[in-house]
Amino acid sequence: TYAGPRIDSWSDTNVETLLTLFESWP
C-alpha cells in the first residue's frame, strides 16, 4: 500500500534505477 518508488530485487536494472534516483534526488 506504500507509494513508490519501488524495487523488487537487486537486479542490474533495479540498481541502475537506484543510481538514477541517487543522482536526481537533492
PDB file of all heavy atoms in Angstrom:
ATOM      1  N   THR A   1       0.805  -1.222   0.000  1.00  0.00           N
ATOM      2  CA  THR A   1       0.000   0.000   0.000  1.00  0.00           C
ATOM      3  C   THR A   1       0.842   1.278   0.000  1.00  0.00           C
ATOM      4  O   THR A   1       0.296   2.362  -0.146  1.00  0.00           O
ATOM      5  CB  THR A   1      -0.937   0.030   1.221  1.00  0.00           C
ATOM      6  OG1 THR A   1      -0.142   0.004   2.418  1.00  0.00           O
ATOM      7  CG2 THR A   1      -1.904  -1.141   1.201  1.00  0.00           C
ATOM      8  N   TYR A   2       2.164   1.146   0.138  1.00  0.00           N
ATOM      9  CA  TYR A   2       3.029   2.320   0.179  1.00  0.00           C
ATOM     10  C   TYR A   2       3.434   2.739  -1.222  1.00  0.00           C
ATOM     11  O   TYR A   2       3.782   1.905  -2.054  1.00  0.00           O
ATOM     12  CB  TYR A   2       4.278   2.050   1.034  1.00  0.00           C
ATOM     13  CG  TYR A   2       3.914   1.949   2.483  1.00  0.00           C
ATOM     14  CD1 TYR A   2       3.516   0.745   3.038  1.00  0.00           C
ATOM     15  CD2 TYR A   2       3.919   3.078   3.295  1.00  0.00           C
ATOM     16  CE1 TYR A   2       3.136   0.654   4.366  1.00  0.00           C
ATOM     17  CE2 TYR A   2       3.542   2.996   4.621  1.00  0.00           C
ATOM     18  CZ  TYR A   2       3.155   1.776   5.152  1.00  0.00           C
ATOM     19  OH  TYR A   2       2.772   1.693   6.457  1.00  0.00           O
ATOM     20  N   ALA A   3       3.373   4.045  -1.443  1.00  0.00           N
ATOM     21  CA  ALA A   3       3.735   4.598  -2.742  1.00  0.00           C
ATOM     22  C   ALA A   3       5.210   4.386  -3.022  1.00  0.00           C
ATOM     23  O   ALA A   3       6.012   4.249  -2.099  1.00  0.00           O
ATOM     24  CB  ALA A   3       3.413   6.089  -2.770  1.00  0.00           C
ATOM     25  N   GLY A   4       5.543   4.370  -4.298  1.00  0.00           N
ATOM     26  CA  GLY A   4       6.922   4.166  -4.735  1.00  0.00           C
ATOM     27  C   GLY A   4       7.766   5.392  -4.521  1.00  0.00           C
ATOM     28  O   GLY A   4       7.327   6.317  -3.873  1.00  0.00           O
ATOM     29  N   PRO A   5       8.941   5.402  -5.032  1.00  0.00           N
ATOM     30  CA  PRO A   5       9.485   4.394  -5.935  1.00  0.00           C
ATOM     31  C   PRO A   5       9.715   3.063  -5.244  1.00  0.00           C
ATOM     32  O   PRO A   5       9.873   3.015  -4.024  1.00  0.00           O
ATOM     33  CB  PRO A   5      10.799   5.007  -6.426  1.00  0.00           C
ATOM     34  CG  PRO A   5      11.176   5.969  -5.363  1.00  0.00           C
ATOM     35  CD  PRO A   5       9.914   6.459  -4.748  1.00  0.00           C
ATOM     36  N   ARG A   6       9.717   1.992  -6.038  1.00  0.00           N
ATOM     37  CA  ARG A   6       9.832   0.639  -5.511  1.00  0.00           C
ATOM     38  C   ARG A   6      10.840  -0.152  -6.331  1.00  0.00           C
ATOM     39  O   ARG A   6      11.008   0.091  -7.512  1.00  0.00           O
ATOM     40  CB  ARG A   6       8.487  -0.088  -5.593  1.00  0.00           C
ATOM     41  CG  ARG A   6       7.334   0.617  -4.939  1.00  0.00           C
ATOM     42  CD  ARG A   6       6.039  -0.165  -5.122  1.00  0.00           C
ATOM     43  NE  ARG A   6       5.973  -1.304  -4.237  1.00  0.00           N
ATOM     44  CZ  ARG A   6       5.594  -1.264  -2.965  1.00  0.00           C
ATOM     45  NH1 ARG A   6       5.255  -0.127  -2.429  1.00  0.00           N
ATOM     46  NH2 ARG A   6       5.558  -2.346  -2.233  1.00  0.00           N
ATOM     47  N   ILE A   7      11.476  -1.122  -5.675  1.00  0.00           N
ATOM     48  CA  ILE A   7      12.245  -2.143  -6.375  1.00  0.00           C
ATOM     49  C   ILE A   7      11.817  -3.490  -5.807  1.00  0.00           C
ATOM     50  O   ILE A   7      11.322  -3.567  -4.683  1.00  0.00           O
ATOM     51  CB  ILE A   7      13.775  -1.953  -6.261  1.00  0.00           C
ATOM     52  CG1 ILE A   7      14.237  -2.040  -4.809  1.00  0.00           C
ATOM     53  CG2 ILE A   7      14.221  -0.673  -6.924  1.00  0.00           C
ATOM     54  CD1 ILE A   7      15.750  -2.084  -4.663  1.00  0.00           C
ATOM     55  N   ASP A   8      12.007  -4.547  -6.598  1.00  0.00           N
ATOM     56  CA  ASP A   8      11.576  -5.867  -6.145  1.00  0.00           C
ATOM     57  C   ASP A   8      12.722  -6.879  -6.104  1.00  0.00           C
ATOM     58  O   ASP A   8      12.511  -8.041  -5.787  1.00  0.00           O
ATOM     59  CB  ASP A   8      10.439  -6.400  -7.012  1.00  0.00           C
ATOM     60  CG  ASP A   8      10.825  -6.528  -8.474  1.00  0.00           C
ATOM     61  OD1 ASP A   8      11.987  -6.245  -8.829  1.00  0.00           O
ATOM     62  OD2 ASP A   8       9.958  -6.917  -9.263  1.00  0.00           O
ATOM     63  N   SER A   9      13.929  -6.423  -6.461  1.00  0.00           N
ATOM     64  CA  SER A   9      15.098  -7.303  -6.434  1.00  0.00           C
ATOM     65  C   SER A   9      16.349  -6.438  -6.541  1.00  0.00           C
ATOM     66  O   SER A   9      16.264  -5.220  -6.717  1.00  0.00           O
ATOM     67  CB  SER A   9      15.052  -8.297  -7.598  1.00  0.00           C
ATOM     68  OG  SER A   9      15.306  -7.618  -8.813  1.00  0.00           O
ATOM     69  N   TRP A  10      17.499  -7.098  -6.474  1.00  0.00           N
ATOM     70  CA  TRP A  10      18.783  -6.402  -6.626  1.00  0.00           C
ATOM     71  C   TRP A  10      19.328  -6.622  -8.031  1.00  0.00           C
ATOM     72  O   TRP A  10      20.537  -6.687  -8.232  1.00  0.00           O
ATOM     73  CB  TRP A  10      19.776  -6.874  -5.567  1.00  0.00           C
ATOM     74  CG  TRP A  10      19.322  -6.513  -4.196  1.00  0.00           C
ATOM     75  CD1 TRP A  10      18.829  -7.360  -3.252  1.00  0.00           C
ATOM     76  CD2 TRP A  10      19.287  -5.207  -3.626  1.00  0.00           C
ATOM     77  NE1 TRP A  10      18.492  -6.655  -2.114  1.00  0.00           N
ATOM     78  CE2 TRP A  10      18.761  -5.329  -2.321  1.00  0.00           C
ATOM     79  CE3 TRP A  10      19.642  -3.943  -4.077  1.00  0.00           C
ATOM     80  CZ2 TRP A  10      18.585  -4.247  -1.473  1.00  0.00           C
ATOM     81  CZ3 TRP A  10      19.454  -2.860  -3.235  1.00  0.00           C
ATOM     82  CH2 TRP A  10      18.944  -3.016  -1.960  1.00  0.00           C
ATOM     83  N   SER A  11      18.437  -6.698  -9.007  1.00  0.00           N
ATOM     84  CA  SER A  11      18.859  -6.903 -10.397  1.00  0.00           C
ATOM     85  C   SER A  11      19.656  -5.696 -10.891  1.00  0.00           C
ATOM     86  O   SER A  11      19.572  -4.597 -10.336  1.00  0.00           O
ATOM     87  CB  SER A  11      17.641  -7.106 -11.296  1.00  0.00           C
ATOM     88  OG  SER A  11      16.917  -5.881 -11.405  1.00  0.00           O
ATOM     89  N   ASP A  12      20.412  -5.906 -11.947  1.00  0.00           N
ATOM     90  CA  ASP A  12      21.182  -4.811 -12.540  1.00  0.00           C
ATOM     91  C   ASP A  12      20.275  -3.658 -12.952  1.00  0.00           C
ATOM     92  O   ASP A  12      20.626  -2.487 -12.781  1.00  0.00           O
ATOM     93  CB  ASP A  12      21.976  -5.307 -13.750  1.00  0.00           C
ATOM     94  CG  ASP A  12      23.131  -6.225 -13.355  1.00  0.00           C
ATOM     95  OD1 ASP A  12      23.509  -6.228 -12.162  1.00  0.00           O
ATOM     96  OD2 ASP A  12      23.639  -6.928 -14.242  1.00  0.00           O
ATOM     97  N   THR A  13      19.093  -3.979 -13.477  1.00  0.00           N
ATOM     98  CA  THR A  13      18.148  -2.938 -13.885  1.00  0.00           C
ATOM     99  C   THR A  13      17.709  -2.101 -12.686  1.00  0.00           C
ATOM    100  O   THR A  13      17.662  -0.874 -12.755  1.00  0.00           O
ATOM    101  CB  THR A  13      16.907  -3.570 -14.560  1.00  0.00           C
ATOM    102  OG1 THR A  13      17.348  -4.316 -15.684  1.00  0.00           O
ATOM    103  CG2 THR A  13      15.906  -2.513 -14.977  1.00  0.00           C
ATOM    104  N   ASN A  14      17.396  -2.756 -11.570  1.00  0.00           N
ATOM    105  CA  ASN A  14      16.987  -2.022 -10.382  1.00  0.00           C
ATOM    106  C   ASN A  14      18.126  -1.209  -9.786  1.00  0.00           C
ATOM    107  O   ASN A  14      17.913  -0.107  -9.287  1.00  0.00           O
ATOM    108  CB  ASN A  14      16.411  -2.969  -9.331  1.00  0.00           C
ATOM    109  CG  ASN A  14      15.007  -3.404  -9.668  1.00  0.00           C
ATOM    110  OD1 ASN A  14      14.287  -2.724 -10.389  1.00  0.00           O
ATOM    111  ND2 ASN A  14      14.616  -4.553  -9.171  1.00  0.00           N
ATOM    112  N   VAL A  15      19.333  -1.737  -9.852  1.00  0.00           N
ATOM    113  CA  VAL A  15      20.488  -0.973  -9.365  1.00  0.00           C
ATOM    114  C   VAL A  15      20.669   0.275 -10.226  1.00  0.00           C
ATOM    115  O   VAL A  15      20.936   1.365  -9.711  1.00  0.00           O
ATOM    116  CB  VAL A  15      21.757  -1.848  -9.337  1.00  0.00           C
ATOM    117  CG1 VAL A  15      22.999  -1.000  -9.079  1.00  0.00           C
ATOM    118  CG2 VAL A  15      21.617  -2.936  -8.278  1.00  0.00           C
ATOM    119  N   GLU A  16      20.493   0.155 -11.536  1.00  0.00           N
ATOM    120  CA  GLU A  16      20.567   1.324 -12.416  1.00  0.00           C
ATOM    121  C   GLU A  16      19.487   2.342 -12.052  1.00  0.00           C
ATOM    122  O   GLU A  16      19.740   3.548 -12.046  1.00  0.00           O
ATOM    123  CB  GLU A  16      20.439   0.906 -13.884  1.00  0.00           C
ATOM    124  CG  GLU A  16      21.646   0.180 -14.419  1.00  0.00           C
ATOM    125  CD  GLU A  16      22.911   1.030 -14.396  1.00  0.00           C
ATOM    126  OE1 GLU A  16      22.846   2.250 -14.660  1.00  0.00           O
ATOM    127  OE2 GLU A  16      23.975   0.468 -14.095  1.00  0.00           O
ATOM    128  N   THR A  17      18.279   1.862 -11.747  1.00  0.00           N
ATOM    129  CA  THR A  17      17.198   2.753 -11.311  1.00  0.00           C
ATOM    130  C   THR A  17      17.593   3.493 -10.044  1.00  0.00           C
ATOM    131  O   THR A  17      17.381   4.701  -9.920  1.00  0.00           O
ATOM    132  CB  THR A  17      15.900   1.952 -11.082  1.00  0.00           C
ATOM    133  OG1 THR A  17      15.512   1.342 -12.311  1.00  0.00           O
ATOM    134  CG2 THR A  17      14.778   2.833 -10.571  1.00  0.00           C
ATOM    135  N   LEU A  18      18.178   2.765  -9.093  1.00  0.00           N
ATOM    136  CA  LEU A  18      18.616   3.392  -7.846  1.00  0.00           C
ATOM    137  C   LEU A  18      19.684   4.447  -8.102  1.00  0.00           C
ATOM    138  O   LEU A  18      19.663   5.526  -7.487  1.00  0.00           O
ATOM    139  CB  LEU A  18      19.147   2.338  -6.880  1.00  0.00           C
ATOM    140  CG  LEU A  18      18.098   1.412  -6.277  1.00  0.00           C
ATOM    141  CD1 LEU A  18      18.782   0.296  -5.500  1.00  0.00           C
ATOM    142  CD2 LEU A  18      17.135   2.175  -5.391  1.00  0.00           C
ATOM    143  N   LEU A  19      20.619   4.169  -8.991  1.00  0.00           N
ATOM    144  CA  LEU A  19      21.665   5.142  -9.300  1.00  0.00           C
ATOM    145  C   LEU A  19      21.071   6.398  -9.922  1.00  0.00           C
ATOM    146  O   LEU A  19      21.485   7.519  -9.614  1.00  0.00           O
ATOM    147  CB  LEU A  19      22.707   4.522 -10.230  1.00  0.00           C
ATOM    148  CG  LEU A  19      23.581   3.444  -9.613  1.00  0.00           C
ATOM    149  CD1 LEU A  19      24.443   2.780 -10.668  1.00  0.00           C
ATOM    150  CD2 LEU A  19      24.427   3.999  -8.478  1.00  0.00           C
ATOM    151  N   THR A  20      20.061   6.227 -10.771  1.00  0.00           N
ATOM    152  CA  THR A  20      19.387   7.375 -11.363  1.00  0.00           C
ATOM    153  C   THR A  20      18.681   8.194 -10.288  1.00  0.00           C
ATOM    154  O   THR A  20      18.762   9.434 -10.279  1.00  0.00           O
ATOM    155  CB  THR A  20      18.371   6.908 -12.433  1.00  0.00           C
ATOM    156  OG1 THR A  20      19.080   6.183 -13.438  1.00  0.00           O
ATOM    157  CG2 THR A  20      17.646   8.082 -13.056  1.00  0.00           C
ATOM    158  N   LEU A  21      17.995   7.516  -9.350  1.00  0.00           N
ATOM    159  CA  LEU A  21      17.340   8.223  -8.251  1.00  0.00           C
ATOM    160  C   LEU A  21      18.373   8.943  -7.388  1.00  0.00           C
ATOM    161  O   LEU A  21      18.157  10.083  -6.978  1.00  0.00           O
ATOM    162  CB  LEU A  21      16.539   7.244  -7.390  1.00  0.00           C
ATOM    163  CG  LEU A  21      15.259   6.703  -8.018  1.00  0.00           C
ATOM    164  CD1 LEU A  21      14.701   5.577  -7.137  1.00  0.00           C
ATOM    165  CD2 LEU A  21      14.238   7.805  -8.192  1.00  0.00           C
ATOM    166  N   PHE A  22      19.473   8.279  -7.116  1.00  0.00           N
ATOM    167  CA  PHE A  22      20.535   8.865  -6.307  1.00  0.00           C
ATOM    168  C   PHE A  22      21.022  10.175  -6.909  1.00  0.00           C
ATOM    169  O   PHE A  22      21.232  11.154  -6.211  1.00  0.00           O
ATOM    170  CB  PHE A  22      21.684   7.859  -6.188  1.00  0.00           C
ATOM    171  CG  PHE A  22      22.840   8.359  -5.371  1.00  0.00           C
ATOM    172  CD1 PHE A  22      22.795   8.302  -3.988  1.00  0.00           C
ATOM    173  CD2 PHE A  22      23.963   8.889  -5.981  1.00  0.00           C
ATOM    174  CE1 PHE A  22      23.857   8.755  -3.223  1.00  0.00           C
ATOM    175  CE2 PHE A  22      25.030   9.346  -5.224  1.00  0.00           C
ATOM    176  CZ  PHE A  22      24.969   9.287  -3.840  1.00  0.00           C
ATOM    177  N   GLU A  23      21.170  10.182  -8.218  1.00  0.00           N
ATOM    178  CA  GLU A  23      21.664  11.384  -8.905  1.00  0.00           C
ATOM    179  C   GLU A  23      20.611  12.480  -8.992  1.00  0.00           C
ATOM    180  O   GLU A  23      20.950  13.660  -9.047  1.00  0.00           O
ATOM    181  CB  GLU A  23      22.148  11.011 -10.297  1.00  0.00           C
ATOM    182  CG  GLU A  23      23.384  10.135 -10.276  1.00  0.00           C
ATOM    183  CD  GLU A  23      23.756   9.574 -11.632  1.00  0.00           C
ATOM    184  OE1 GLU A  23      23.036   9.839 -12.614  1.00  0.00           O
ATOM    185  OE2 GLU A  23      24.760   8.851 -11.704  1.00  0.00           O
ATOM    186  N   SER A  24      19.330  12.117  -8.994  1.00  0.00           N
ATOM    187  CA  SER A  24      18.287  13.119  -9.206  1.00  0.00           C
ATOM    188  C   SER A  24      17.700  13.695  -7.920  1.00  0.00           C
ATOM    189  O   SER A  24      17.179  14.805  -7.928  1.00  0.00           O
ATOM    190  CB  SER A  24      17.166  12.529 -10.058  1.00  0.00           C
ATOM    191  OG  SER A  24      16.488  11.497  -9.370  1.00  0.00           O
ATOM    192  N   TRP A  25      17.755  12.967  -6.804  1.00  0.00           N
ATOM    193  CA  TRP A  25      17.189  13.487  -5.562  1.00  0.00           C
ATOM    194  C   TRP A  25      18.153  14.460  -4.912  1.00  0.00           C
ATOM    195  O   TRP A  25      19.334  14.158  -4.756  1.00  0.00           O
ATOM    196  CB  TRP A  25      16.891  12.354  -4.587  1.00  0.00           C
ATOM    197  CG  TRP A  25      15.478  11.863  -4.652  1.00  0.00           C
ATOM    198  CD1 TRP A  25      14.379  12.543  -5.034  1.00  0.00           C
ATOM    199  CD2 TRP A  25      15.013  10.560  -4.301  1.00  0.00           C
ATOM    200  NE1 TRP A  25      13.269  11.774  -4.968  1.00  0.00           N
ATOM    201  CE2 TRP A  25      13.627  10.533  -4.508  1.00  0.00           C
ATOM    202  CE3 TRP A  25      15.646   9.413  -3.831  1.00  0.00           C
ATOM    203  CZ2 TRP A  25      12.844   9.418  -4.248  1.00  0.00           C
ATOM    204  CZ3 TRP A  25      14.883   8.296  -3.579  1.00  0.00           C
ATOM    205  CH2 TRP A  25      13.501   8.303  -3.787  1.00  0.00           C
ATOM    206  N   PRO A  26      17.652  15.629  -4.529  1.00  0.00           N
ATOM    207  CA  PRO A  26      18.528  16.565  -3.820  1.00  0.00           C
ATOM    208  C   PRO A  26      18.858  16.041  -2.438  1.00  0.00           C
ATOM    209  O   PRO A  26      18.091  15.280  -1.845  1.00  0.00           O
ATOM    210  CB  PRO A  26      17.691  17.834  -3.736  1.00  0.00           C
ATOM    211  CG  PRO A  26      16.281  17.382  -3.839  1.00  0.00           C
ATOM    212  CD  PRO A  26      16.304  16.120  -4.679  1.00  0.00           C
TER     213      PRO A  26
END
